[in-house]
């Protein structure tokens, strides 16, 4: 196998006659037309008919189940680079049900187990990170509560008491957010109304292109599927009776992060892109950093928020968005 981001898995049929280099990327496996035909012992004409029927009936969407990958081939003395069309596991399985061969059944069992293991491992890691972040927040709340009680019995003239008061003061905003969250009383205030930068579909697409190299130049990273990305951007500029539904920069930013993670607008990299676009949007509007140059939202807090959004229910959107707004507003 190659790197984690782009694995090649070797599949060998039980009869030992068919061996395929199966591309594993963006949490699924990929085969080209020739490999699928070889796998299911069918001709390419029948294969393409099955694929066209699958798209025609709407069983699968073309932009999310096929992709072009560059491959280097030898033709005589020449080395030629060609873009070859590959299909993901969803399409391979759908074709396999139509071909209905014994070898196809064997492959479906194998491929599903590989993908299941890949996804379960990823989910376990994310779930562990989320629990660790939640535990840290709970420990902080308990510690500061204890310190607050301690100050009531101490003389404020001592150095120890002054240090405790300083700690409580530093984390007062976080404690207020936790308190308001517990009592379902989070408010939206201390936000920035005047925008210096307006996000558009065009400039967002250009920005995402600059992220590709940073995240390994994967051909699937940032590949847009459907209209979810454009609609996520348009949603933050919605109006009702000529009034903006999200009038402040912070409200737009928080809802943008939520939409980009929950709508899954990309084949790969949804959370990384969502977090990057959020940071870029805040920076272009000059509210990413405090006046002293420090970050308004810490790295671990950003990670925790992205994982929280990804694992949340749609009914929890309002409260989650309010938490994000309070973490990036002027009080923070």
C-alpha atoms as a PDB file:
ATOM      1  CA  UNK A   1       0.000   0.000   0.000  1.00  0.00           C
ATOM      2  CA  UNK A   2       1.082   3.640  -0.552  1.00  0.00           C
ATOM      3  CA  UNK A   3       0.328   6.649   1.748  1.00  0.00           C
ATOM      4  CA  UNK A   4      -2.819   6.947   3.888  1.00  0.00           C
ATOM      5  CA  UNK A   5      -4.293   9.521   1.480  1.00  0.00           C
ATOM      6  CA  UNK A   6      -3.882   7.394  -1.634  1.00  0.00           C
ATOM      7  CA  UNK A   7      -3.680   3.635  -1.153  1.00  0.00           C
ATOM      8  CA  UNK A   8      -3.422   0.912  -3.763  1.00  0.00           C
ATOM      9  CA  UNK A   9      -5.007  -2.318  -2.523  1.00  0.00           C
ATOM     10  CA  UNK A  10      -4.257  -5.566  -4.363  1.00  0.00           C
ATOM     11  CA  UNK A  11      -7.377  -7.674  -4.973  1.00  0.00           C
ATOM     12  CA  UNK A  12      -6.969 -11.269  -6.106  1.00  0.00           C
ATOM     13  CA  UNK A  13      -9.961 -13.449  -7.000  1.00  0.00           C
ATOM     14  CA  UNK A  14     -10.329 -16.803  -5.251  1.00  0.00           C
ATOM     15  CA  UNK A  15      -9.495 -18.664  -8.454  1.00  0.00           C
ATOM     16  CA  UNK A  16      -6.170 -16.789  -8.558  1.00  0.00           C
ATOM     17  CA  UNK A  17      -6.707 -15.742 -12.172  1.00  0.00           C
ATOM     18  CA  UNK A  18      -7.798 -12.128 -11.648  1.00  0.00           C
ATOM     19  CA  UNK A  19      -5.536  -9.678  -9.855  1.00  0.00           C
ATOM     20  CA  UNK A  20      -6.371  -5.947  -9.749  1.00  0.00           C
ATOM     21  CA  UNK A  21      -4.648  -2.851  -8.377  1.00  0.00           C
ATOM     22  CA  UNK A  22      -7.579  -1.252  -6.587  1.00  0.00           C
ATOM     23  CA  UNK A  23      -7.256   2.464  -5.846  1.00  0.00           C
ATOM     24  CA  UNK A  24      -8.356   3.391  -2.289  1.00  0.00           C
ATOM     25  CA  UNK A  25      -8.921   7.147  -1.927  1.00  0.00           C
ATOM     26  CA  UNK A  26     -11.413   9.447  -0.174  1.00  0.00           C
ATOM     27  CA  UNK A  27     -12.740   6.506   1.878  1.00  0.00           C
ATOM     28  CA  UNK A  28     -13.760   4.374  -1.090  1.00  0.00           C
ATOM     29  CA  UNK A  29     -12.219   2.119  -3.764  1.00  0.00           C
ATOM     30  CA  UNK A  30     -11.910   2.967  -7.474  1.00  0.00           C
ATOM     31  CA  UNK A  31     -11.655   0.869 -10.662  1.00  0.00           C
ATOM     32  CA  UNK A  32     -11.554   1.908 -14.314  1.00  0.00           C
ATOM     33  CA  UNK A  33     -13.800   0.462 -17.032  1.00  0.00           C
ATOM     34  CA  UNK A  34     -11.269  -2.177 -18.107  1.00  0.00           C
ATOM     35  CA  UNK A  35     -10.789  -3.391 -14.539  1.00  0.00           C
ATOM     36  CA  UNK A  36     -14.528  -3.617 -13.854  1.00  0.00           C
ATOM     37  CA  UNK A  37     -15.057  -5.559 -17.085  1.00  0.00           C
ATOM     38  CA  UNK A  38     -12.227  -7.917 -16.153  1.00  0.00           C
ATOM     39  CA  UNK A  39     -13.507  -8.285 -12.616  1.00  0.00           C
ATOM     40  CA  UNK A  40     -17.032  -9.312 -13.615  1.00  0.00           C
ATOM     41  CA  UNK A  41     -15.977 -11.195 -16.769  1.00  0.00           C
ATOM     42  CA  UNK A  42     -18.060  -9.010 -19.074  1.00  0.00           C
ATOM     43  CA  UNK A  43     -17.372  -6.882 -22.158  1.00  0.00           C
ATOM     44  CA  UNK A  44     -17.053  -3.074 -22.038  1.00  0.00           C
ATOM     45  CA  UNK A  45     -20.159  -2.580 -24.198  1.00  0.00           C
ATOM     46  CA  UNK A  46     -22.358  -4.344 -21.636  1.00  0.00           C
ATOM     47  CA  UNK A  47     -20.538  -2.595 -18.814  1.00  0.00           C
ATOM     48  CA  UNK A  48     -21.133   0.889 -20.252  1.00  0.00           C
ATOM     49  CA  UNK A  49     -24.803   0.026 -20.813  1.00  0.00           C
ATOM     50  CA  UNK A  50     -25.159  -0.873 -17.139  1.00  0.00           C
ATOM     51  CA  UNK A  51     -23.389   2.332 -16.059  1.00  0.00           C
ATOM     52  CA  UNK A  52     -25.534   4.531 -18.321  1.00  0.00           C
ATOM     53  CA  UNK A  53     -28.726   2.889 -17.034  1.00  0.00           C
ATOM     54  CA  UNK A  54     -27.634   3.447 -13.420  1.00  0.00           C
ATOM     55  CA  UNK A  55     -27.163   7.166 -14.111  1.00  0.00           C
ATOM     56  CA  UNK A  56     -30.321   7.391 -16.228  1.00  0.00           C
ATOM     57  CA  UNK A  57     -32.543   5.949 -13.493  1.00  0.00           C
ATOM     58  CA  UNK A  58     -31.001   8.233 -10.888  1.00  0.00           C
ATOM     59  CA  UNK A  59     -29.755   5.340  -8.767  1.00  0.00           C
ATOM     60  CA  UNK A  60     -26.371   7.088  -8.494  1.00  0.00           C
ATOM     61  CA  UNK A  61     -25.066  10.562  -9.328  1.00  0.00           C
ATOM     62  CA  UNK A  62     -22.295  10.788 -11.896  1.00  0.00           C
ATOM     63  CA  UNK A  63     -20.325  13.621 -10.269  1.00  0.00           C
ATOM     64  CA  UNK A  64     -19.956  11.727  -6.992  1.00  0.00           C
ATOM     65  CA  UNK A  65     -19.276   8.207  -8.328  1.00  0.00           C
ATOM     66  CA  UNK A  66     -16.744   8.795 -11.115  1.00  0.00           C
ATOM     67  CA  UNK A  67     -13.497  10.743 -11.357  1.00  0.00           C
ATOM     68  CA  UNK A  68     -10.539  11.101 -13.710  1.00  0.00           C
ATOM     69  CA  UNK A  69      -7.095  10.059 -12.480  1.00  0.00           C
ATOM     70  CA  UNK A  70      -3.843  10.694 -14.317  1.00  0.00           C
ATOM     71  CA  UNK A  71      -1.980   7.510 -15.263  1.00  0.00           C
ATOM     72  CA  UNK A  72       1.362   7.038 -16.989  1.00  0.00           C
ATOM     73  CA  UNK A  73       1.422   4.458 -19.776  1.00  0.00           C
ATOM     74  CA  UNK A  74       4.133   3.087 -22.056  1.00  0.00           C
ATOM     75  CA  UNK A  75       3.321   3.133 -25.787  1.00  0.00           C
ATOM     76  CA  UNK A  76       6.374   1.850 -27.621  1.00  0.00           C
ATOM     77  CA  UNK A  77       9.291   4.059 -26.661  1.00  0.00           C
ATOM     78  CA  UNK A  78       7.025   6.862 -25.493  1.00  0.00           C
ATOM     79  CA  UNK A  79       5.743   7.553 -21.997  1.00  0.00           C
ATOM     80  CA  UNK A  80       2.256   9.060 -22.188  1.00  0.00           C
ATOM     81  CA  UNK A  81       0.189  10.526 -19.378  1.00  0.00           C
ATOM     82  CA  UNK A  82      -3.542  10.024 -19.798  1.00  0.00           C
ATOM     83  CA  UNK A  83      -6.589  10.913 -17.715  1.00  0.00           C
ATOM     84  CA  UNK A  84      -8.571   7.705 -17.212  1.00  0.00           C
ATOM     85  CA  UNK A  85     -12.118   7.543 -15.868  1.00  0.00           C
ATOM     86  CA  UNK A  86     -12.527   5.588 -12.629  1.00  0.00           C
ATOM     87  CA  UNK A  87     -15.698   4.536 -10.783  1.00  0.00           C
ATOM     88  CA  UNK A  88     -16.076   4.201  -7.025  1.00  0.00           C
ATOM     89  CA  UNK A  89     -17.333   1.330  -4.867  1.00  0.00           C
ATOM     90  CA  UNK A  90     -20.987   2.398  -5.130  1.00  0.00           C
ATOM     91  CA  UNK A  91     -20.871   2.048  -8.910  1.00  0.00           C
ATOM     92  CA  UNK A  92     -18.833  -1.174  -8.794  1.00  0.00           C
ATOM     93  CA  UNK A  93     -21.359  -2.805  -6.477  1.00  0.00           C
ATOM     94  CA  UNK A  94     -24.319  -1.528  -8.535  1.00  0.00           C
ATOM     95  CA  UNK A  95     -22.782  -2.970 -11.697  1.00  0.00           C
ATOM     96  CA  UNK A  96     -22.006  -6.177  -9.844  1.00  0.00           C
ATOM     97  CA  UNK A  97     -25.662  -6.683  -8.925  1.00  0.00           C
ATOM     98  CA  UNK A  98     -26.590  -6.360 -12.588  1.00  0.00           C
ATOM     99  CA  UNK A  99     -23.867  -8.695 -13.850  1.00  0.00           C
ATOM    100  CA  UNK A 100     -24.714 -11.146 -11.046  1.00  0.00           C
ATOM    101  CA  UNK A 101     -21.707 -13.458 -11.310  1.00  0.00           C
ATOM    102  CA  UNK A 102     -20.083 -15.589  -8.622  1.00  0.00           C
ATOM    103  CA  UNK A 103     -16.858 -13.633  -8.917  1.00  0.00           C
ATOM    104  CA  UNK A 104     -18.790 -10.371  -8.552  1.00  0.00           C
ATOM    105  CA  UNK A 105     -20.311 -11.622  -5.297  1.00  0.00           C
ATOM    106  CA  UNK A 106     -16.880 -12.545  -3.945  1.00  0.00           C
ATOM    107  CA  UNK A 107     -15.540  -9.081  -4.757  1.00  0.00           C
ATOM    108  CA  UNK A 108     -18.495  -7.269  -3.158  1.00  0.00           C
ATOM    109  CA  UNK A 109     -17.895  -9.100   0.123  1.00  0.00           C
ATOM    110  CA  UNK A 110     -14.167  -8.296   0.035  1.00  0.00           C
ATOM    111  CA  UNK A 111     -14.515  -4.632  -0.962  1.00  0.00           C
ATOM    112  CA  UNK A 112     -17.267  -3.918   1.568  1.00  0.00           C
ATOM    113  CA  UNK A 113     -15.132  -5.354   4.381  1.00  0.00           C
ATOM    114  CA  UNK A 114     -12.145  -3.207   3.349  1.00  0.00           C
ATOM    115  CA  UNK A 115     -14.244  -0.043   3.234  1.00  0.00           C
ATOM    116  CA  UNK A 116     -16.041  -0.874   6.485  1.00  0.00           C
ATOM    117  CA  UNK A 117     -12.724  -1.287   8.305  1.00  0.00           C
ATOM    118  CA  UNK A 118     -11.432   2.003   6.823  1.00  0.00           C
ATOM    119  CA  UNK A 119     -14.526   3.931   7.905  1.00  0.00           C
ATOM    120  CA  UNK A 120     -14.823   2.351  11.355  1.00  0.00           C
ATOM    121  CA  UNK A 121     -11.195   3.203  12.131  1.00  0.00           C
ATOM    122  CA  UNK A 122     -11.751   6.816  11.043  1.00  0.00           C
ATOM    123  CA  UNK A 123     -14.948   7.118  13.085  1.00  0.00           C
ATOM    124  CA  UNK A 124     -13.255   5.688  16.175  1.00  0.00           C
ATOM    125  CA  UNK A 125     -10.439   8.263  15.941  1.00  0.00           C
ATOM    126  CA  UNK A 126     -12.879  11.170  15.513  1.00  0.00           C
ATOM    127  CA  UNK A 127     -15.094   9.941  18.338  1.00  0.00           C
ATOM    128  CA  UNK A 128     -12.068   9.661  20.640  1.00  0.00           C
ATOM    129  CA  UNK A 129     -10.968  13.226  19.796  1.00  0.00           C
ATOM    130  CA  UNK A 130     -14.446  14.574  20.462  1.00  0.00           C
ATOM    131  CA  UNK A 131     -14.648  12.833  23.842  1.00  0.00           C
ATOM    132  CA  UNK A 132     -11.223  14.192  24.793  1.00  0.00           C
ATOM    133  CA  UNK A 133     -12.268  17.752  23.912  1.00  0.00           C
ATOM    134  CA  UNK A 134     -15.515  17.356  25.876  1.00  0.00           C
ATOM    135  CA  UNK A 135     -13.608  16.009  28.874  1.00  0.00           C
ATOM    136  CA  UNK A 136     -11.217  18.983  28.803  1.00  0.00           C
ATOM    137  CA  UNK A 137     -14.132  21.435  28.815  1.00  0.00           C
ATOM    138  CA  UNK A 138     -15.772  19.652  31.754  1.00  0.00           C
ATOM    139  CA  UNK A 139     -12.495  19.583  33.692  1.00  0.00           C
ATOM    140  CA  UNK A 140     -11.951  23.300  33.036  1.00  0.00           C
ATOM    141  CA  UNK A 141     -15.442  24.126  34.258  1.00  0.00           C
ATOM    142  CA  UNK A 142     -14.960  22.092  37.465  1.00  0.00           C
ATOM    143  CA  UNK A 143     -11.515  23.595  38.111  1.00  0.00           C
ATOM    144  CA  UNK A 144     -12.620  27.200  37.683  1.00  0.00           C
ATOM    145  CA  UNK A 145     -15.715  26.588  39.827  1.00  0.00           C
ATOM    146  CA  UNK A 146     -13.456  25.256  42.587  1.00  0.00           C
ATOM    147  CA  UNK A 147     -11.128  28.246  42.278  1.00  0.00           C
ATOM    148  CA  UNK A 148     -14.055  30.636  42.472  1.00  0.00           C
ATOM    149  CA  UNK A 149     -15.241  29.028  45.735  1.00  0.00           C
ATOM    150  CA  UNK A 150     -11.699  29.140  47.114  1.00  0.00           C
ATOM    151  CA  UNK A 151     -11.376  32.912  46.609  1.00  0.00           C
ATOM    152  CA  UNK A 152     -14.391  33.467  48.862  1.00  0.00           C
ATOM    153  CA  UNK A 153     -12.380  32.218  51.857  1.00  0.00           C
ATOM    154  CA  UNK A 154      -9.084  33.924  50.980  1.00  0.00           C
ATOM    155  CA  UNK A 155      -7.763  37.425  51.455  1.00  0.00           C
ATOM    156  CA  UNK A 156      -7.542  39.195  48.117  1.00  0.00           C
ATOM    157  CA  UNK A 157      -4.371  40.917  49.247  1.00  0.00           C
ATOM    158  CA  UNK A 158      -2.318  37.728  48.878  1.00  0.00           C
ATOM    159  CA  UNK A 159      -0.453  36.873  45.673  1.00  0.00           C
ATOM    160  CA  UNK A 160      -2.222  33.493  45.496  1.00  0.00           C
ATOM    161  CA  UNK A 161      -5.654  35.058  45.596  1.00  0.00           C
ATOM    162  CA  UNK A 162      -4.732  37.614  42.927  1.00  0.00           C
ATOM    163  CA  UNK A 163      -3.491  34.784  40.706  1.00  0.00           C
ATOM    164  CA  UNK A 164      -6.757  32.879  41.109  1.00  0.00           C
ATOM    165  CA  UNK A 165      -8.787  35.977  40.298  1.00  0.00           C
ATOM    166  CA  UNK A 166      -6.692  36.508  37.147  1.00  0.00           C
ATOM    167  CA  UNK A 167      -7.364  32.931  35.997  1.00  0.00           C
ATOM    168  CA  UNK A 168     -11.105  33.307  36.562  1.00  0.00           C
ATOM    169  CA  UNK A 169     -11.056  36.616  34.691  1.00  0.00           C
ATOM    170  CA  UNK A 170      -9.193  35.082  31.742  1.00  0.00           C
ATOM    171  CA  UNK A 171     -11.766  32.322  31.368  1.00  0.00           C
ATOM    172  CA  UNK A 172     -14.865  34.291  32.333  1.00  0.00           C
ATOM    173  CA  UNK A 173     -16.176  34.437  28.772  1.00  0.00           C
ATOM    174  CA  UNK A 174     -15.871  30.663  28.341  1.00  0.00           C
ATOM    175  CA  UNK A 175     -17.616  30.091  31.659  1.00  0.00           C
ATOM    176  CA  UNK A 176     -20.439  32.438  30.692  1.00  0.00           C
ATOM    177  CA  UNK A 177     -20.908  30.519  27.428  1.00  0.00           C
ATOM    178  CA  UNK A 178     -21.055  27.221  29.329  1.00  0.00           C
ATOM    179  CA  UNK A 179     -23.524  28.653  31.825  1.00  0.00           C
ATOM    180  CA  UNK A 180     -25.784  30.071  29.114  1.00  0.00           C
ATOM    181  CA  UNK A 181     -25.529  26.798  27.187  1.00  0.00           C
ATOM    182  CA  UNK A 182     -26.605  24.786  30.241  1.00  0.00           C
ATOM    183  CA  UNK A 183     -29.678  26.995  30.686  1.00  0.00           C
ATOM    184  CA  UNK A 184     -30.429  27.248  26.945  1.00  0.00           C
ATOM    185  CA  UNK A 185     -29.956  31.007  27.159  1.00  0.00           C
ATOM    186  CA  UNK A 186     -27.172  31.727  24.670  1.00  0.00           C
ATOM    187  CA  UNK A 187     -27.391  35.204  23.139  1.00  0.00           C
ATOM    188  CA  UNK A 188     -25.933  36.782  20.022  1.00  0.00           C
ATOM    189  CA  UNK A 189     -24.185  40.061  20.833  1.00  0.00           C
ATOM    190  CA  UNK A 190     -20.875  41.894  20.476  1.00  0.00           C
ATOM    191  CA  UNK A 191     -20.760  41.042  16.768  1.00  0.00           C
ATOM    192  CA  UNK A 192     -19.258  42.908  13.802  1.00  0.00           C
ATOM    193  CA  UNK A 193     -21.719  44.423  11.347  1.00  0.00           C
ATOM    194  CA  UNK A 194     -19.507  46.108   8.747  1.00  0.00           C
ATOM    195  CA  UNK A 195     -18.143  43.659   6.180  1.00  0.00           C
ATOM    196  CA  UNK A 196     -14.871  44.302   4.350  1.00  0.00           C
ATOM    197  CA  UNK A 197     -15.074  41.145   2.278  1.00  0.00           C
ATOM    198  CA  UNK A 198     -17.960  39.325   0.597  1.00  0.00           C
ATOM    199  CA  UNK A 199     -17.604  35.613  -0.039  1.00  0.00           C
ATOM    200  CA  UNK A 200     -18.662  34.419  -3.502  1.00  0.00           C
ATOM    201  CA  UNK A 201     -18.710  31.045  -5.204  1.00  0.00           C
ATOM    202  CA  UNK A 202     -15.983  32.224  -7.577  1.00  0.00           C
ATOM    203  CA  UNK A 203     -13.458  33.478  -5.025  1.00  0.00           C
ATOM    204  CA  UNK A 204     -14.180  30.497  -2.761  1.00  0.00           C
ATOM    205  CA  UNK A 205     -13.374  28.040  -5.574  1.00  0.00           C
ATOM    206  CA  UNK A 206     -10.095  29.876  -6.235  1.00  0.00           C
ATOM    207  CA  UNK A 207      -9.226  29.729  -2.533  1.00  0.00           C
ATOM    208  CA  UNK A 208      -9.859  25.973  -2.374  1.00  0.00           C
ATOM    209  CA  UNK A 209      -7.483  25.453  -5.299  1.00  0.00           C
ATOM    210  CA  UNK A 210      -4.710  26.989  -3.180  1.00  0.00           C
ATOM    211  CA  UNK A 211      -5.402  24.393  -0.467  1.00  0.00           C
ATOM    212  CA  UNK A 212      -4.772  21.377  -2.715  1.00  0.00           C
ATOM    213  CA  UNK A 213      -0.977  21.473  -2.450  1.00  0.00           C
ATOM    214  CA  UNK A 214      -1.109  21.873   1.324  1.00  0.00           C
ATOM    215  CA  UNK A 215      -3.299  18.778   1.650  1.00  0.00           C
ATOM    216  CA  UNK A 216      -1.374  16.453  -0.667  1.00  0.00           C
ATOM    217  CA  UNK A 217      -2.640  17.393  -4.143  1.00  0.00           C
ATOM    218  CA  UNK A 218      -5.295  14.676  -4.070  1.00  0.00           C
ATOM    219  CA  UNK A 219      -7.417  14.747  -7.209  1.00  0.00           C
ATOM    220  CA  UNK A 220     -10.548  14.270  -5.107  1.00  0.00           C
ATOM    221  CA  UNK A 221      -9.762  16.914  -2.499  1.00  0.00           C
ATOM    222  CA  UNK A 222     -12.081  19.868  -3.057  1.00  0.00           C
ATOM    223  CA  UNK A 223     -13.851  18.203  -5.999  1.00  0.00           C
ATOM    224  CA  UNK A 224     -17.311  19.792  -5.928  1.00  0.00           C
ATOM    225  CA  UNK A 225     -20.365  17.582  -6.221  1.00  0.00           C
ATOM    226  CA  UNK A 226     -23.799  18.969  -6.960  1.00  0.00           C
ATOM    227  CA  UNK A 227     -24.857  22.482  -5.938  1.00  0.00           C
ATOM    228  CA  UNK A 228     -24.358  22.121  -2.183  1.00  0.00           C
ATOM    229  CA  UNK A 229     -21.221  24.301  -2.081  1.00  0.00           C
ATOM    230  CA  UNK A 230     -22.726  27.198  -3.999  1.00  0.00           C
ATOM    231  CA  UNK A 231     -25.994  27.019  -2.044  1.00  0.00           C
ATOM    232  CA  UNK A 232     -24.075  26.983   1.276  1.00  0.00           C
ATOM    233  CA  UNK A 233     -22.436  30.276   0.315  1.00  0.00           C
ATOM    234  CA  UNK A 234     -25.697  31.774  -0.944  1.00  0.00           C
ATOM    235  CA  UNK A 235     -27.484  30.757   2.262  1.00  0.00           C
ATOM    236  CA  UNK A 236     -25.396  33.035   4.488  1.00  0.00           C
ATOM    237  CA  UNK A 237     -26.488  36.032   2.398  1.00  0.00           C
ATOM    238  CA  UNK A 238     -30.208  35.238   2.514  1.00  0.00           C
ATOM    239  CA  UNK A 239     -32.642  38.095   3.151  1.00  0.00           C
ATOM    240  CA  UNK A 240     -36.238  38.357   4.291  1.00  0.00           C
ATOM    241  CA  UNK A 241     -38.173  41.530   3.560  1.00  0.00           C
ATOM    242  CA  UNK A 242     -34.870  43.108   2.483  1.00  0.00           C
ATOM    243  CA  UNK A 243     -33.247  42.312   5.844  1.00  0.00           C
ATOM    244  CA  UNK A 244     -30.327  39.925   6.170  1.00  0.00           C
ATOM    245  CA  UNK A 245     -31.079  36.716   8.060  1.00  0.00           C
ATOM    246  CA  UNK A 246     -27.469  36.702   9.251  1.00  0.00           C
ATOM    247  CA  UNK A 247     -26.612  40.397   9.659  1.00  0.00           C
ATOM    248  CA  UNK A 248     -23.171  40.106  11.296  1.00  0.00           C
ATOM    249  CA  UNK A 249     -19.876  38.663  10.079  1.00  0.00           C
ATOM    250  CA  UNK A 250     -19.842  36.217  12.992  1.00  0.00           C
ATOM    251  CA  UNK A 251     -23.338  34.940  12.190  1.00  0.00           C
ATOM    252  CA  UNK A 252     -22.410  34.441   8.549  1.00  0.00           C
ATOM    253  CA  UNK A 253     -19.172  32.695   9.516  1.00  0.00           C
ATOM    254  CA  UNK A 254     -20.799  30.340  12.028  1.00  0.00           C
ATOM    255  CA  UNK A 255     -23.571  29.331   9.648  1.00  0.00           C
ATOM    256  CA  UNK A 256     -21.069  28.931   6.808  1.00  0.00           C
ATOM    257  CA  UNK A 257     -19.004  26.475   8.871  1.00  0.00           C
ATOM    258  CA  UNK A 258     -22.158  24.540   9.764  1.00  0.00           C
ATOM    259  CA  UNK A 259     -23.455  24.387   6.164  1.00  0.00           C
ATOM    260  CA  UNK A 260     -20.105  23.334   4.666  1.00  0.00           C
ATOM    261  CA  UNK A 261     -19.687  20.454   7.117  1.00  0.00           C
ATOM    262  CA  UNK A 262     -23.278  19.177   7.161  1.00  0.00           C
ATOM    263  CA  UNK A 263     -23.983  19.516   3.411  1.00  0.00           C
ATOM    264  CA  UNK A 264     -20.907  17.477   2.347  1.00  0.00           C
ATOM    265  CA  UNK A 265     -20.368  19.547  -0.832  1.00  0.00           C
ATOM    266  CA  UNK A 266     -17.013  17.911  -1.703  1.00  0.00           C
ATOM    267  CA  UNK A 267     -15.936  14.393  -2.599  1.00  0.00           C
ATOM    268  CA  UNK A 268     -13.079  14.671  -0.094  1.00  0.00           C
ATOM    269  CA  UNK A 269     -11.880  17.178   2.522  1.00  0.00           C
ATOM    270  CA  UNK A 270     -15.197  18.594   3.757  1.00  0.00           C
ATOM    271  CA  UNK A 271     -14.150  19.404   7.343  1.00  0.00           C
ATOM    272  CA  UNK A 272     -10.674  20.659   6.390  1.00  0.00           C
ATOM    273  CA  UNK A 273     -12.101  22.901   3.680  1.00  0.00           C
ATOM    274  CA  UNK A 274     -14.891  24.171   5.944  1.00  0.00           C
ATOM    275  CA  UNK A 275     -12.410  25.125   8.680  1.00  0.00           C
ATOM    276  CA  UNK A 276     -10.048  26.742   6.152  1.00  0.00           C
ATOM    277  CA  UNK A 277     -12.814  28.773   4.511  1.00  0.00           C
ATOM    278  CA  UNK A 278     -14.000  29.918   7.948  1.00  0.00           C
ATOM    279  CA  UNK A 279     -10.503  31.138   8.891  1.00  0.00           C
ATOM    280  CA  UNK A 280     -10.041  32.821   5.511  1.00  0.00           C
ATOM    281  CA  UNK A 281     -13.453  34.534   5.724  1.00  0.00           C
ATOM    282  CA  UNK A 282     -12.747  35.851   9.240  1.00  0.00           C
ATOM    283  CA  UNK A 283      -9.266  37.016   8.273  1.00  0.00           C
ATOM    284  CA  UNK A 284     -10.452  38.882   5.163  1.00  0.00           C
ATOM    285  CA  UNK A 285     -13.002  40.630   7.378  1.00  0.00           C
ATOM    286  CA  UNK A 286     -10.255  41.505   9.910  1.00  0.00           C
ATOM    287  CA  UNK A 287     -11.765  39.658  12.882  1.00  0.00           C
ATOM    288  CA  UNK A 288      -9.659  36.487  12.963  1.00  0.00           C
ATOM    289  CA  UNK A 289      -7.248  37.988  15.484  1.00  0.00           C
ATOM    290  CA  UNK A 290      -7.642  40.164  18.568  1.00  0.00           C
ATOM    291  CA  UNK A 291      -6.072  43.608  18.762  1.00  0.00           C
ATOM    292  CA  UNK A 292      -2.976  42.097  20.437  1.00  0.00           C
ATOM    293  CA  UNK A 293      -2.479  39.666  17.539  1.00  0.00           C
ATOM    294  CA  UNK A 294      -3.684  36.516  19.335  1.00  0.00           C
ATOM    295  CA  UNK A 295      -6.253  34.152  17.835  1.00  0.00           C
ATOM    296  CA  UNK A 296      -9.906  34.598  18.690  1.00  0.00           C
ATOM    297  CA  UNK A 297     -10.502  30.872  18.309  1.00  0.00           C
ATOM    298  CA  UNK A 298      -7.846  28.361  19.372  1.00  0.00           C
ATOM    299  CA  UNK A 299      -6.769  25.458  17.156  1.00  0.00           C
ATOM    300  CA  UNK A 300      -8.186  22.763  19.446  1.00  0.00           C
ATOM    301  CA  UNK A 301     -11.451  24.689  19.775  1.00  0.00           C
ATOM    302  CA  UNK A 302     -11.779  24.797  15.971  1.00  0.00           C
ATOM    303  CA  UNK A 303     -11.175  21.044  15.746  1.00  0.00           C
ATOM    304  CA  UNK A 304     -13.729  20.375  18.483  1.00  0.00           C
ATOM    305  CA  UNK A 305     -16.353  22.551  16.775  1.00  0.00           C
ATOM    306  CA  UNK A 306     -15.902  20.815  13.413  1.00  0.00           C
ATOM    307  CA  UNK A 307     -16.266  17.381  15.002  1.00  0.00           C
ATOM    308  CA  UNK A 308     -19.222  18.598  17.061  1.00  0.00           C
ATOM    309  CA  UNK A 309     -21.020  19.835  13.941  1.00  0.00           C
ATOM    310  CA  UNK A 310     -20.276  16.636  12.036  1.00  0.00           C
ATOM    311  CA  UNK A 311     -21.772  14.476  14.785  1.00  0.00           C
ATOM    312  CA  UNK A 312     -24.716  16.722  15.631  1.00  0.00           C
ATOM    313  CA  UNK A 313     -28.403  16.348  14.783  1.00  0.00           C
ATOM    314  CA  UNK A 314     -30.135  18.848  12.513  1.00  0.00           C
ATOM    315  CA  UNK A 315     -32.385  19.852  15.436  1.00  0.00           C
ATOM    316  CA  UNK A 316     -29.280  21.103  17.298  1.00  0.00           C
ATOM    317  CA  UNK A 317     -28.211  23.584  14.599  1.00  0.00           C
ATOM    318  CA  UNK A 318     -29.391  26.743  16.359  1.00  0.00           C
ATOM    319  CA  UNK A 319     -27.577  26.075  19.641  1.00  0.00           C
ATOM    320  CA  UNK A 320     -24.360  24.964  17.914  1.00  0.00           C
ATOM    321  CA  UNK A 321     -24.290  28.049  15.683  1.00  0.00           C
ATOM    322  CA  UNK A 322     -24.784  30.282  18.732  1.00  0.00           C
ATOM    323  CA  UNK A 323     -21.842  28.624  20.490  1.00  0.00           C
ATOM    324  CA  UNK A 324     -19.623  29.301  17.465  1.00  0.00           C
ATOM    325  CA  UNK A 325     -20.738  32.939  17.293  1.00  0.00           C
ATOM    326  CA  UNK A 326     -19.908  33.433  20.973  1.00  0.00           C
ATOM    327  CA  UNK A 327     -16.460  31.942  20.457  1.00  0.00           C
ATOM    328  CA  UNK A 328     -15.537  34.348  17.630  1.00  0.00           C
ATOM    329  CA  UNK A 329     -17.297  37.544  18.719  1.00  0.00           C
ATOM    330  CA  UNK A 330     -15.669  40.644  20.225  1.00  0.00           C
ATOM    331  CA  UNK A 331     -15.990  39.328  23.799  1.00  0.00           C
ATOM    332  CA  UNK A 332     -13.724  36.377  23.105  1.00  0.00           C
END
